[in-house]
Amino acid sequence: MLDLCLAGTGGMLPLPHRFLTSLYVKCQGHALLIDCGEGTQIALRKAGCSFKAIDLICITHFHADHISGIAGLLLSMGNSDRTEPVTIAGPKGLCQVLSGLLVIAPELPFEVHVEEIDGSDAPISLGLMKIESFPLKHRIPCQGYTIEVQRAGEFLREKAQALGIPVNLWSHLQKGETVQNAGCQFTPEMVLGPPRRGLKVAYATDTRPVPAIAEYGRNADVLILEGMYGEDEKLEKAKERTHMIFSEAAHLAKQAAAEELWLTHFSPSITDPFEYESAVQTVFPNTVIGQDGMKKRLKFVL
């Protein structure tokens, strides 16, 4: 299963009632964080999300509202007695940006590994999770992310019995491991049915609508997109600043055939994003207006 927490939902700058947009995802003890603007560590603490579990931080782009909180977060992780390495991934140029930000955190009790990725790289593995980036359209290089937990096919007990595979080896085959017994080799494909539907989350903020969002967000259990402005009248402003309005995000969710759309990254000018809820739900009914600290647990469908 995947545990999601939308720690913050704001864009541009933190407000007393709205932290900057970030997503915390946890699966079997491993956690990743997407984006880390000013105050993100406070948002995580308020939401009850463990700093110590964060193994991977993915950055979408290098605007301050998405990365300026990273030094403070790493220092807090160090103060929570973390000693395991932390990986930070993001667009090309990440090493240079971090070298400046981390001047104020020179002595962390863990190693920081940096991975510059651009969508053509192999997915990052974190426990059962596979994380992949895809290109977005913003004023500077920006990328979205998908998080997937794949699910193997059903274990076919009758086939395993017919092949004479000892019961104590079944769990290894279910985990995708090849086993040996009495001079014979058995592979998972011999005793597993076709792959079953896994879990998928896709995340994209600070972008105009691009085909990659619907492509990478295809059939996502949760598609998390920015809604910088609520009114359709703000479309030209959104185009000028390379952001999206609520209805554009809803159309992308419809194209992607997503199960659910979460809107986030609201402009400071939006006092009450729920004001636009009914209008956006006419485009994509299963739209959820994001709230700071909002949580959801995704489970495999039997």
C-alpha atoms as a PDB file:
ATOM      1  CA  MET A   1       0.000   0.000   0.000  1.00  0.00           C
ATOM      2  CA  LEU A   2       0.961   3.667  -0.412  1.00  0.00           C
ATOM      3  CA  ASP A   3       0.350   6.364   2.182  1.00  0.00           C
ATOM      4  CA  LEU A   4      -0.002   9.863   0.734  1.00  0.00           C
ATOM      5  CA  CYS A   5       0.079  13.190   2.538  1.00  0.00           C
ATOM      6  CA  LEU A   6      -0.287  16.511   0.746  1.00  0.00           C
ATOM      7  CA  ALA A   7       1.718  18.452   3.322  1.00  0.00           C
ATOM      8  CA  GLY A   8       1.106  21.856   1.742  1.00  0.00           C
ATOM      9  CA  THR A   9      -1.040  23.297  -1.046  1.00  0.00           C
ATOM     10  CA  GLY A  10       0.275  26.814  -1.645  1.00  0.00           C
ATOM     11  CA  GLY A  11       2.179  28.381  -4.502  1.00  0.00           C
ATOM     12  CA  MET A  12       4.692  31.246  -4.573  1.00  0.00           C
ATOM     13  CA  LEU A  13       4.883  31.913  -0.835  1.00  0.00           C
ATOM     14  CA  PRO A  14       3.758  30.338   2.434  1.00  0.00           C
ATOM     15  CA  LEU A  15       0.732  31.841   4.176  1.00  0.00           C
ATOM     16  CA  PRO A  16      -0.395  31.602   7.806  1.00  0.00           C
ATOM     17  CA  HIS A  17      -3.115  29.148   6.750  1.00  0.00           C
ATOM     18  CA  ARG A  18      -1.405  27.450   3.797  1.00  0.00           C
ATOM     19  CA  PHE A  19       2.052  25.882   3.519  1.00  0.00           C
ATOM     20  CA  LEU A  20       3.888  25.539   0.212  1.00  0.00           C
ATOM     21  CA  THR A  21       3.043  22.556  -1.962  1.00  0.00           C
ATOM     22  CA  SER A  22       4.816  19.292  -1.169  1.00  0.00           C
ATOM     23  CA  LEU A  23       3.880  15.619  -1.252  1.00  0.00           C
ATOM     24  CA  TYR A  24       4.984  12.953   1.242  1.00  0.00           C
ATOM     25  CA  VAL A  25       4.687   9.320   0.119  1.00  0.00           C
ATOM     26  CA  LYS A  26       5.450   6.312   2.322  1.00  0.00           C
ATOM     27  CA  CYS A  27       5.553   2.601   1.520  1.00  0.00           C
ATOM     28  CA  GLN A  28       6.743  -0.112   3.913  1.00  0.00           C
ATOM     29  CA  GLY A  29       9.020   2.133   5.948  1.00  0.00           C
ATOM     30  CA  HIS A  30      10.515   4.075   3.025  1.00  0.00           C
ATOM     31  CA  ALA A  31       9.371   7.649   2.407  1.00  0.00           C
ATOM     32  CA  LEU A  32       9.929  10.154  -0.356  1.00  0.00           C
ATOM     33  CA  LEU A  33       9.178  13.858  -0.473  1.00  0.00           C
ATOM     34  CA  ILE A  34       8.398  15.793  -3.633  1.00  0.00           C
ATOM     35  CA  ASP A  35       9.440  19.451  -3.328  1.00  0.00           C
ATOM     36  CA  CYS A  36      10.598  21.263  -0.228  1.00  0.00           C
ATOM     37  CA  GLY A  37       9.863  24.975  -0.084  1.00  0.00           C
ATOM     38  CA  GLU A  38      10.155  27.305   2.880  1.00  0.00           C
ATOM     39  CA  GLY A  39       8.408  25.867   5.940  1.00  0.00           C
ATOM     40  CA  THR A  40       7.931  22.358   4.545  1.00  0.00           C
ATOM     41  CA  GLN A  41       9.478  20.779   7.635  1.00  0.00           C
ATOM     42  CA  ILE A  42       6.838  22.535   9.768  1.00  0.00           C
ATOM     43  CA  ALA A  43       4.077  21.296   7.453  1.00  0.00           C
ATOM     44  CA  LEU A  44       5.407  17.741   7.761  1.00  0.00           C
ATOM     45  CA  ARG A  45       5.582  17.968  11.535  1.00  0.00           C
ATOM     46  CA  LYS A  46       2.041  19.347  11.722  1.00  0.00           C
ATOM     47  CA  ALA A  47       0.789  16.501   9.512  1.00  0.00           C
ATOM     48  CA  GLY A  48       2.541  13.855  11.619  1.00  0.00           C
ATOM     49  CA  CYS A  49       4.947  12.759   8.863  1.00  0.00           C
ATOM     50  CA  SER A  50       8.265  11.304  10.031  1.00  0.00           C
ATOM     51  CA  PHE A  51      11.413  13.186   8.973  1.00  0.00           C
ATOM     52  CA  LYS A  52      13.565  10.205   9.774  1.00  0.00           C
ATOM     53  CA  ALA A  53      11.862   7.953   7.205  1.00  0.00           C
ATOM     54  CA  ILE A  54      12.637  10.219   4.227  1.00  0.00           C
ATOM     55  CA  ASP A  55      15.148   8.423   1.988  1.00  0.00           C
ATOM     56  CA  LEU A  56      14.524  10.372  -1.225  1.00  0.00           C
ATOM     57  CA  ILE A  57      13.672  14.001  -1.983  1.00  0.00           C
ATOM     58  CA  CYS A  58      12.550  14.769  -5.547  1.00  0.00           C
ATOM     59  CA  ILE A  59      12.662  18.382  -6.727  1.00  0.00           C
ATOM     60  CA  THR A  60      10.501  19.542  -9.650  1.00  0.00           C
ATOM     61  CA  HIS A  61      12.428  22.755 -10.399  1.00  0.00           C
ATOM     62  CA  PHE A  62      14.592  25.437  -8.846  1.00  0.00           C
ATOM     63  CA  HIS A  63      12.126  28.152  -7.890  1.00  0.00           C
ATOM     64  CA  ALA A  64      12.360  29.051  -4.220  1.00  0.00           C
ATOM     65  CA  ASP A  65       8.871  27.855  -3.286  1.00  0.00           C
ATOM     66  CA  HIS A  66       9.928  24.330  -4.261  1.00  0.00           C
ATOM     67  CA  ILE A  67      13.459  24.006  -2.874  1.00  0.00           C
ATOM     68  CA  SER A  68      14.347  26.750  -0.358  1.00  0.00           C
ATOM     69  CA  GLY A  69      13.376  24.637   2.670  1.00  0.00           C
ATOM     70  CA  ILE A  70      15.734  21.784   1.947  1.00  0.00           C
ATOM     71  CA  ALA A  71      18.630  22.822   4.206  1.00  0.00           C
ATOM     72  CA  GLY A  72      16.341  23.235   7.200  1.00  0.00           C
ATOM     73  CA  LEU A  73      14.697  19.883   6.569  1.00  0.00           C
ATOM     74  CA  LEU A  74      18.043  18.075   6.334  1.00  0.00           C
ATOM     75  CA  LEU A  75      19.209  19.709   9.560  1.00  0.00           C
ATOM     76  CA  SER A  76      16.018  18.573  11.302  1.00  0.00           C
ATOM     77  CA  MET A  77      16.510  15.063   9.928  1.00  0.00           C
ATOM     78  CA  GLY A  78      20.013  15.110  11.390  1.00  0.00           C
ATOM     79  CA  ASN A  79      18.658  16.239  14.740  1.00  0.00           C
ATOM     80  CA  SER A  80      16.275  13.267  14.696  1.00  0.00           C
ATOM     81  CA  ASP A  81      19.306  10.927  14.778  1.00  0.00           C
ATOM     82  CA  ARG A  82      19.179   9.860  11.158  1.00  0.00           C
ATOM     83  CA  THR A  83      22.466   8.399   9.919  1.00  0.00           C
ATOM     84  CA  GLU A  84      21.407   6.630   6.692  1.00  0.00           C
ATOM     85  CA  PRO A  85      22.186   8.395   3.377  1.00  0.00           C
ATOM     86  CA  VAL A  86      19.579  10.643   1.767  1.00  0.00           C
ATOM     87  CA  THR A  87      19.221  10.971  -2.011  1.00  0.00           C
ATOM     88  CA  ILE A  88      18.089  14.221  -3.608  1.00  0.00           C
ATOM     89  CA  ALA A  89      16.981  14.009  -7.257  1.00  0.00           C
ATOM     90  CA  GLY A  90      16.020  16.763  -9.656  1.00  0.00           C
ATOM     91  CA  PRO A  91      16.686  18.453 -13.001  1.00  0.00           C
ATOM     92  CA  LYS A  92      20.111  19.150 -14.451  1.00  0.00           C
ATOM     93  CA  GLY A  93      21.864  21.807 -12.394  1.00  0.00           C
ATOM     94  CA  LEU A  94      20.757  20.344  -9.058  1.00  0.00           C
ATOM     95  CA  CYS A  95      24.347  19.872  -7.832  1.00  0.00           C
ATOM     96  CA  GLN A  96      25.127  23.550  -8.306  1.00  0.00           C
ATOM     97  CA  VAL A  97      21.914  24.700  -6.613  1.00  0.00           C
ATOM     98  CA  LEU A  98      22.422  22.408  -3.624  1.00  0.00           C
ATOM     99  CA  SER A  99      26.043  23.480  -3.214  1.00  0.00           C
ATOM    100  CA  GLY A 100      24.731  26.953  -2.447  1.00  0.00           C
ATOM    101  CA  LEU A 101      21.747  25.965  -0.308  1.00  0.00           C
ATOM    102  CA  LEU A 102      23.708  23.541   1.851  1.00  0.00           C
ATOM    103  CA  VAL A 103      26.417  26.016   2.841  1.00  0.00           C
ATOM    104  CA  ILE A 104      24.412  26.479   6.058  1.00  0.00           C
ATOM    105  CA  ALA A 105      24.286  22.712   6.650  1.00  0.00           C
ATOM    106  CA  PRO A 106      27.946  21.691   6.265  1.00  0.00           C
ATOM    107  CA  GLU A 107      28.071  18.910   8.851  1.00  0.00           C
ATOM    108  CA  LEU A 108      25.150  16.529   8.506  1.00  0.00           C
ATOM    109  CA  PRO A 109      25.349  13.119  10.242  1.00  0.00           C
ATOM    110  CA  PHE A 110      24.498  11.350   6.975  1.00  0.00           C
ATOM    111  CA  GLU A 111      25.670  11.398   3.373  1.00  0.00           C
ATOM    112  CA  VAL A 112      23.688  13.307   0.750  1.00  0.00           C
ATOM    113  CA  HIS A 113      23.674  11.698  -2.694  1.00  0.00           C
ATOM    114  CA  VAL A 114      22.615  13.868  -5.631  1.00  0.00           C
ATOM    115  CA  GLU A 115      21.069  12.531  -8.853  1.00  0.00           C
ATOM    116  CA  GLU A 116      20.447  14.842 -11.795  1.00  0.00           C
ATOM    117  CA  ILE A 117      17.705  13.313 -13.945  1.00  0.00           C
ATOM    118  CA  ASP A 118      15.798  14.417 -17.032  1.00  0.00           C
ATOM    119  CA  GLY A 119      13.256  11.721 -17.838  1.00  0.00           C
ATOM    120  CA  SER A 120      15.576   9.679 -20.048  1.00  0.00           C
ATOM    121  CA  ASP A 121      17.219   8.069 -17.024  1.00  0.00           C
ATOM    122  CA  ALA A 122      16.164   4.739 -15.551  1.00  0.00           C
ATOM    123  CA  PRO A 123      13.497   4.954 -12.823  1.00  0.00           C
ATOM    124  CA  ILE A 124      14.719   5.379  -9.256  1.00  0.00           C
ATOM    125  CA  SER A 125      13.923   2.443  -6.974  1.00  0.00           C
ATOM    126  CA  LEU A 126      12.980   3.016  -3.345  1.00  0.00           C
ATOM    127  CA  GLY A 127      11.829  -0.164  -1.655  1.00  0.00           C
ATOM    128  CA  LEU A 128       8.808  -1.319  -3.653  1.00  0.00           C
ATOM    129  CA  MET A 129       8.388   2.096  -5.286  1.00  0.00           C
ATOM    130  CA  LYS A 130       9.570   3.036  -8.769  1.00  0.00           C
ATOM    131  CA  ILE A 131       9.910   6.781  -9.345  1.00  0.00           C
ATOM    132  CA  GLU A 132      10.098   8.217 -12.852  1.00  0.00           C
ATOM    133  CA  SER A 133      10.342  11.829 -14.047  1.00  0.00           C
ATOM    134  CA  PHE A 134       8.743  13.449 -17.092  1.00  0.00           C
ATOM    135  CA  PRO A 135       9.134  16.891 -18.731  1.00  0.00           C
ATOM    136  CA  LEU A 136       6.831  19.831 -18.034  1.00  0.00           C
ATOM    137  CA  LYS A 137       6.538  23.322 -19.547  1.00  0.00           C
ATOM    138  CA  HIS A 138       7.521  26.146 -17.204  1.00  0.00           C
ATOM    139  CA  ARG A 139       9.707  29.247 -17.383  1.00  0.00           C
ATOM    140  CA  ILE A 140      12.693  27.161 -16.300  1.00  0.00           C
ATOM    141  CA  PRO A 141      13.348  23.403 -16.663  1.00  0.00           C
ATOM    142  CA  CYS A 142      10.714  21.552 -14.660  1.00  0.00           C
ATOM    143  CA  GLN A 143       9.627  17.947 -14.339  1.00  0.00           C
ATOM    144  CA  GLY A 144       6.819  15.904 -12.880  1.00  0.00           C
ATOM    145  CA  TYR A 145       7.031  12.513 -11.199  1.00  0.00           C
ATOM    146  CA  THR A 146       5.201   9.206 -11.159  1.00  0.00           C
ATOM    147  CA  ILE A 147       5.375   6.804  -8.231  1.00  0.00           C
ATOM    148  CA  GLU A 148       4.389   3.214  -8.949  1.00  0.00           C
ATOM    149  CA  VAL A 149       4.185   0.044  -6.911  1.00  0.00           C
ATOM    150  CA  GLN A 150       3.996  -2.895  -9.282  1.00  0.00           C
ATOM    151  CA  ARG A 151       2.106  -6.051  -8.413  1.00  0.00           C
ATOM    152  CA  ALA A 152       3.057  -9.522  -9.566  1.00  0.00           C
ATOM    153  CA  GLY A 153       0.547 -11.976 -10.938  1.00  0.00           C
ATOM    154  CA  GLU A 154      -1.410 -14.331  -8.733  1.00  0.00           C
ATOM    155  CA  PHE A 155       0.564 -17.310  -7.416  1.00  0.00           C
ATOM    156  CA  LEU A 156      -0.725 -20.475  -9.103  1.00  0.00           C
ATOM    157  CA  ARG A 157      -0.533 -23.086  -6.371  1.00  0.00           C
ATOM    158  CA  GLU A 158      -1.597 -25.933  -8.659  1.00  0.00           C
ATOM    159  CA  LYS A 159       1.260 -25.246 -11.082  1.00  0.00           C
ATOM    160  CA  ALA A 160       3.792 -25.147  -8.260  1.00  0.00           C
ATOM    161  CA  GLN A 161       2.512 -28.453  -6.922  1.00  0.00           C
ATOM    162  CA  ALA A 162       2.535 -30.045 -10.372  1.00  0.00           C
ATOM    163  CA  LEU A 163       6.152 -28.963 -10.840  1.00  0.00           C
ATOM    164  CA  GLY A 164       7.084 -30.472  -7.488  1.00  0.00           C
ATOM    165  CA  ILE A 165       8.360 -27.216  -6.006  1.00  0.00           C
ATOM    166  CA  PRO A 166       8.697 -27.480  -2.198  1.00  0.00           C
ATOM    167  CA  VAL A 167       6.317 -25.227  -0.250  1.00  0.00           C
ATOM    168  CA  ASN A 168       9.207 -23.489   1.528  1.00  0.00           C
ATOM    169  CA  LEU A 169      10.350 -22.050  -1.836  1.00  0.00           C
ATOM    170  CA  TRP A 170       6.975 -20.620  -2.846  1.00  0.00           C
ATOM    171  CA  SER A 171       7.471 -17.293  -1.058  1.00  0.00           C
ATOM    172  CA  HIS A 172      10.714 -16.706  -2.973  1.00  0.00           C
ATOM    173  CA  LEU A 173       8.939 -17.222  -6.290  1.00  0.00           C
ATOM    174  CA  GLN A 174       6.149 -14.874  -5.182  1.00  0.00           C
ATOM    175  CA  LYS A 175       8.815 -12.218  -4.572  1.00  0.00           C
ATOM    176  CA  GLY A 176      10.101 -12.628  -8.127  1.00  0.00           C
ATOM    177  CA  GLU A 177      13.137 -14.723  -7.236  1.00  0.00           C
ATOM    178  CA  THR A 178      14.421 -17.717  -9.211  1.00  0.00           C
ATOM    179  CA  VAL A 179      14.939 -20.850  -7.093  1.00  0.00           C
ATOM    180  CA  GLN A 180      16.818 -24.149  -7.411  1.00  0.00           C
ATOM    181  CA  ASN A 181      15.711 -27.568  -6.163  1.00  0.00           C
ATOM    182  CA  ALA A 182      17.047 -31.057  -6.860  1.00  0.00           C
ATOM    183  CA  GLY A 183      19.099 -29.792  -9.783  1.00  0.00           C
ATOM    184  CA  CYS A 184      16.137 -27.998 -11.375  1.00  0.00           C
ATOM    185  CA  GLN A 185      15.683 -24.243 -11.789  1.00  0.00           C
ATOM    186  CA  PHE A 186      12.270 -22.617 -11.372  1.00  0.00           C
ATOM    187  CA  THR A 187      11.454 -19.050 -12.409  1.00  0.00           C
ATOM    188  CA  PRO A 188       8.542 -16.891 -11.206  1.00  0.00           C
ATOM    189  CA  GLU A 189       7.007 -16.919 -14.696  1.00  0.00           C
ATOM    190  CA  MET A 190       6.422 -20.665 -14.326  1.00  0.00           C
ATOM    191  CA  VAL A 191       4.048 -20.257 -11.366  1.00  0.00           C
ATOM    192  CA  LEU A 192       2.649 -16.718 -11.597  1.00  0.00           C
ATOM    193  CA  GLY A 193      -0.325 -15.466 -13.569  1.00  0.00           C
ATOM    194  CA  PRO A 194      -0.308 -12.209 -15.583  1.00  0.00           C
ATOM    195  CA  PRO A 195       0.688  -9.018 -13.705  1.00  0.00           C
ATOM    196  CA  ARG A 196      -2.133  -7.438 -11.718  1.00  0.00           C
ATOM    197  CA  ARG A 197      -2.992  -3.772 -11.364  1.00  0.00           C
ATOM    198  CA  GLY A 198      -0.575  -2.032  -9.015  1.00  0.00           C
ATOM    199  CA  LEU A 199      -0.669   1.448  -7.496  1.00  0.00           C
ATOM    200  CA  LYS A 200       0.182   4.699  -9.252  1.00  0.00           C
ATOM    201  CA  VAL A 201       0.454   8.358  -8.289  1.00  0.00           C
ATOM    202  CA  ALA A 202       1.437  11.164 -10.668  1.00  0.00           C
ATOM    203  CA  TYR A 203       2.462  14.680  -9.657  1.00  0.00           C
ATOM    204  CA  ALA A 204       2.927  17.830 -11.760  1.00  0.00           C
ATOM    205  CA  THR A 205       2.997  21.484 -10.749  1.00  0.00           C
ATOM    206  CA  ASP A 206       4.223  24.732 -12.318  1.00  0.00           C
ATOM    207  CA  THR A 207       3.421  23.905 -15.906  1.00  0.00           C
ATOM    208  CA  ARG A 208       1.158  24.562 -18.817  1.00  0.00           C
ATOM    209  CA  PRO A 209      -0.898  21.569 -20.008  1.00  0.00           C
ATOM    210  CA  VAL A 210       1.376  19.234 -21.991  1.00  0.00           C
ATOM    211  CA  PRO A 211       0.654  15.755 -23.436  1.00  0.00           C
ATOM    212  CA  ALA A 212       3.221  14.166 -21.093  1.00  0.00           C
ATOM    213  CA  ILE A 213       0.943  14.813 -18.101  1.00  0.00           C
ATOM    214  CA  ALA A 214      -1.900  12.704 -19.494  1.00  0.00           C
ATOM    215  CA  GLU A 215       0.588  10.143 -20.828  1.00  0.00           C
ATOM    216  CA  TYR A 216       2.472   9.604 -17.580  1.00  0.00           C
ATOM    217  CA  GLY A 217      -0.638  10.059 -15.478  1.00  0.00           C
ATOM    218  CA  ARG A 218      -2.558   7.407 -17.433  1.00  0.00           C
ATOM    219  CA  ASN A 219      -4.857   5.410 -15.107  1.00  0.00           C
ATOM    220  CA  ALA A 220      -3.278   6.935 -11.996  1.00  0.00           C
ATOM    221  CA  ASP A 221      -5.024   6.189  -8.724  1.00  0.00           C
ATOM    222  CA  VAL A 222      -4.310   9.795  -7.754  1.00  0.00           C
ATOM    223  CA  LEU A 223      -3.241  12.517 -10.192  1.00  0.00           C
ATOM    224  CA  ILE A 224      -1.935  15.585  -8.347  1.00  0.00           C
ATOM    225  CA  LEU A 225      -1.880  18.740 -10.464  1.00  0.00           C
ATOM    226  CA  GLU A 226      -1.516  22.419  -9.862  1.00  0.00           C
ATOM    227  CA  GLY A 227      -4.504  24.736  -9.960  1.00  0.00           C
ATOM    228  CA  MET A 228      -2.789  28.097  -9.737  1.00  0.00           C
ATOM    229  CA  TYR A 229      -5.945  30.028 -10.573  1.00  0.00           C
ATOM    230  CA  GLY A 230      -9.587  29.090 -10.147  1.00  0.00           C
ATOM    231  CA  GLU A 231     -11.318  31.369 -12.638  1.00  0.00           C
ATOM    232  CA  ASP A 232     -11.340  30.685 -16.372  1.00  0.00           C
ATOM    233  CA  GLU A 233     -10.871  34.443 -16.752  1.00  0.00           C
ATOM    234  CA  LYS A 234      -7.316  34.000 -15.457  1.00  0.00           C
ATOM    235  CA  LEU A 235      -6.345  31.810 -18.432  1.00  0.00           C
ATOM    236  CA  GLU A 236      -4.229  34.460 -20.147  1.00  0.00           C
ATOM    237  CA  LYS A 237      -2.421  35.184 -16.898  1.00  0.00           C
ATOM    238  CA  ALA A 238      -1.778  31.454 -16.471  1.00  0.00           C
ATOM    239  CA  LYS A 239      -0.368  31.235 -19.993  1.00  0.00           C
ATOM    240  CA  GLU A 240       1.876  34.240 -19.405  1.00  0.00           C
ATOM    241  CA  ARG A 241       3.265  32.770 -16.181  1.00  0.00           C
ATOM    242  CA  THR A 242       3.256  29.143 -17.419  1.00  0.00           C
ATOM    243  CA  HIS A 243       0.780  27.831 -14.878  1.00  0.00           C
ATOM    244  CA  MET A 244      -2.624  26.110 -15.121  1.00  0.00           C
ATOM    245  CA  ILE A 245      -6.145  27.020 -14.108  1.00  0.00           C
ATOM    246  CA  PHE A 246      -8.447  24.522 -12.390  1.00  0.00           C
ATOM    247  CA  SER A 247     -10.383  23.554 -15.516  1.00  0.00           C
ATOM    248  CA  GLU A 248      -7.210  22.796 -17.495  1.00  0.00           C
ATOM    249  CA  ALA A 249      -6.057  20.394 -14.791  1.00  0.00           C
ATOM    250  CA  ALA A 250      -9.487  18.745 -14.800  1.00  0.00           C
ATOM    251  CA  HIS A 251      -9.356  18.207 -18.571  1.00  0.00           C
ATOM    252  CA  LEU A 252      -5.935  16.556 -18.194  1.00  0.00           C
ATOM    253  CA  ALA A 253      -7.300  14.225 -15.505  1.00  0.00           C
ATOM    254  CA  LYS A 254     -10.120  13.293 -17.869  1.00  0.00           C
ATOM    255  CA  GLN A 255      -7.673  12.600 -20.709  1.00  0.00           C
ATOM    256  CA  ALA A 256      -5.524  10.485 -18.385  1.00  0.00           C
ATOM    257  CA  ALA A 257      -8.539   8.470 -17.171  1.00  0.00           C
ATOM    258  CA  ALA A 258      -7.284   9.026 -13.629  1.00  0.00           C
ATOM    259  CA  GLU A 259      -9.255   7.651 -10.702  1.00  0.00           C
ATOM    260  CA  GLU A 260      -8.991  10.885  -8.721  1.00  0.00           C
ATOM    261  CA  LEU A 261      -7.606  14.398  -9.207  1.00  0.00           C
ATOM    262  CA  TRP A 262      -6.099  16.420  -6.356  1.00  0.00           C
ATOM    263  CA  LEU A 263      -5.672  20.131  -7.020  1.00  0.00           C
ATOM    264  CA  THR A 264      -2.858  22.004  -5.283  1.00  0.00           C
ATOM    265  CA  HIS A 265      -0.369  24.901  -5.646  1.00  0.00           C
ATOM    266  CA  PHE A 266      -2.982  27.617  -5.213  1.00  0.00           C
ATOM    267  CA  SER A 267      -2.108  31.249  -5.854  1.00  0.00           C
ATOM    268  CA  PRO A 268      -1.964  33.447  -2.732  1.00  0.00           C
ATOM    269  CA  SER A 269      -4.787  35.398  -4.387  1.00  0.00           C
ATOM    270  CA  ILE A 270      -7.130  32.413  -3.872  1.00  0.00           C
ATOM    271  CA  THR A 271      -8.695  32.833  -0.454  1.00  0.00           C
ATOM    272  CA  ASP A 272     -11.073  29.881  -0.728  1.00  0.00           C
ATOM    273  CA  PRO A 273     -10.312  27.281  -3.444  1.00  0.00           C
ATOM    274  CA  PHE A 274     -13.574  25.478  -2.617  1.00  0.00           C
ATOM    275  CA  GLU A 275     -15.350  28.388  -4.291  1.00  0.00           C
ATOM    276  CA  TYR A 276     -14.480  26.762  -7.635  1.00  0.00           C
ATOM    277  CA  GLU A 277     -15.166  23.148  -6.656  1.00  0.00           C
ATOM    278  CA  SER A 278     -18.564  22.670  -8.312  1.00  0.00           C
ATOM    279  CA  ALA A 279     -17.400  24.233 -11.585  1.00  0.00           C
ATOM    280  CA  VAL A 280     -14.295  22.059 -11.896  1.00  0.00           C
ATOM    281  CA  GLN A 281     -16.278  18.931 -10.993  1.00  0.00           C
ATOM    282  CA  THR A 282     -18.468  19.471 -14.050  1.00  0.00           C
ATOM    283  CA  VAL A 283     -15.318  18.736 -16.086  1.00  0.00           C
ATOM    284  CA  PHE A 284     -13.922  15.933 -13.913  1.00  0.00           C
ATOM    285  CA  PRO A 285     -16.366  14.794 -11.201  1.00  0.00           C
ATOM    286  CA  ASN A 286     -13.790  13.072  -8.999  1.00  0.00           C
ATOM    287  CA  THR A 287     -11.833  16.259  -8.338  1.00  0.00           C
ATOM    288  CA  VAL A 288     -10.664  16.923  -4.787  1.00  0.00           C
ATOM    289  CA  ILE A 289      -9.632  20.390  -3.647  1.00  0.00           C
ATOM    290  CA  GLY A 290      -6.354  19.874  -1.825  1.00  0.00           C
ATOM    291  CA  GLN A 291      -5.980  20.845   1.809  1.00  0.00           C
ATOM    292  CA  ASP A 292      -2.826  21.022   3.904  1.00  0.00           C
ATOM    293  CA  GLY A 293      -2.247  17.712   5.669  1.00  0.00           C
ATOM    294  CA  MET A 294      -4.749  15.807   3.510  1.00  0.00           C
ATOM    295  CA  LYS A 295      -4.046  12.060   3.599  1.00  0.00           C
ATOM    296  CA  LYS A 296      -5.064   8.958   1.677  1.00  0.00           C
ATOM    297  CA  ARG A 297      -4.040   5.296   1.841  1.00  0.00           C
ATOM    298  CA  LEU A 298      -3.958   3.417  -1.455  1.00  0.00           C
ATOM    299  CA  LYS A 299      -4.391  -0.354  -1.341  1.00  0.00           C
ATOM    300  CA  PHE A 300      -4.234  -3.065  -3.972  1.00  0.00           C
ATOM    301  CA  VAL A 301      -7.598  -3.956  -5.464  1.00  0.00           C
ATOM    302  CA  LEU A 302      -8.314  -7.640  -4.874  1.00  0.00           C
END
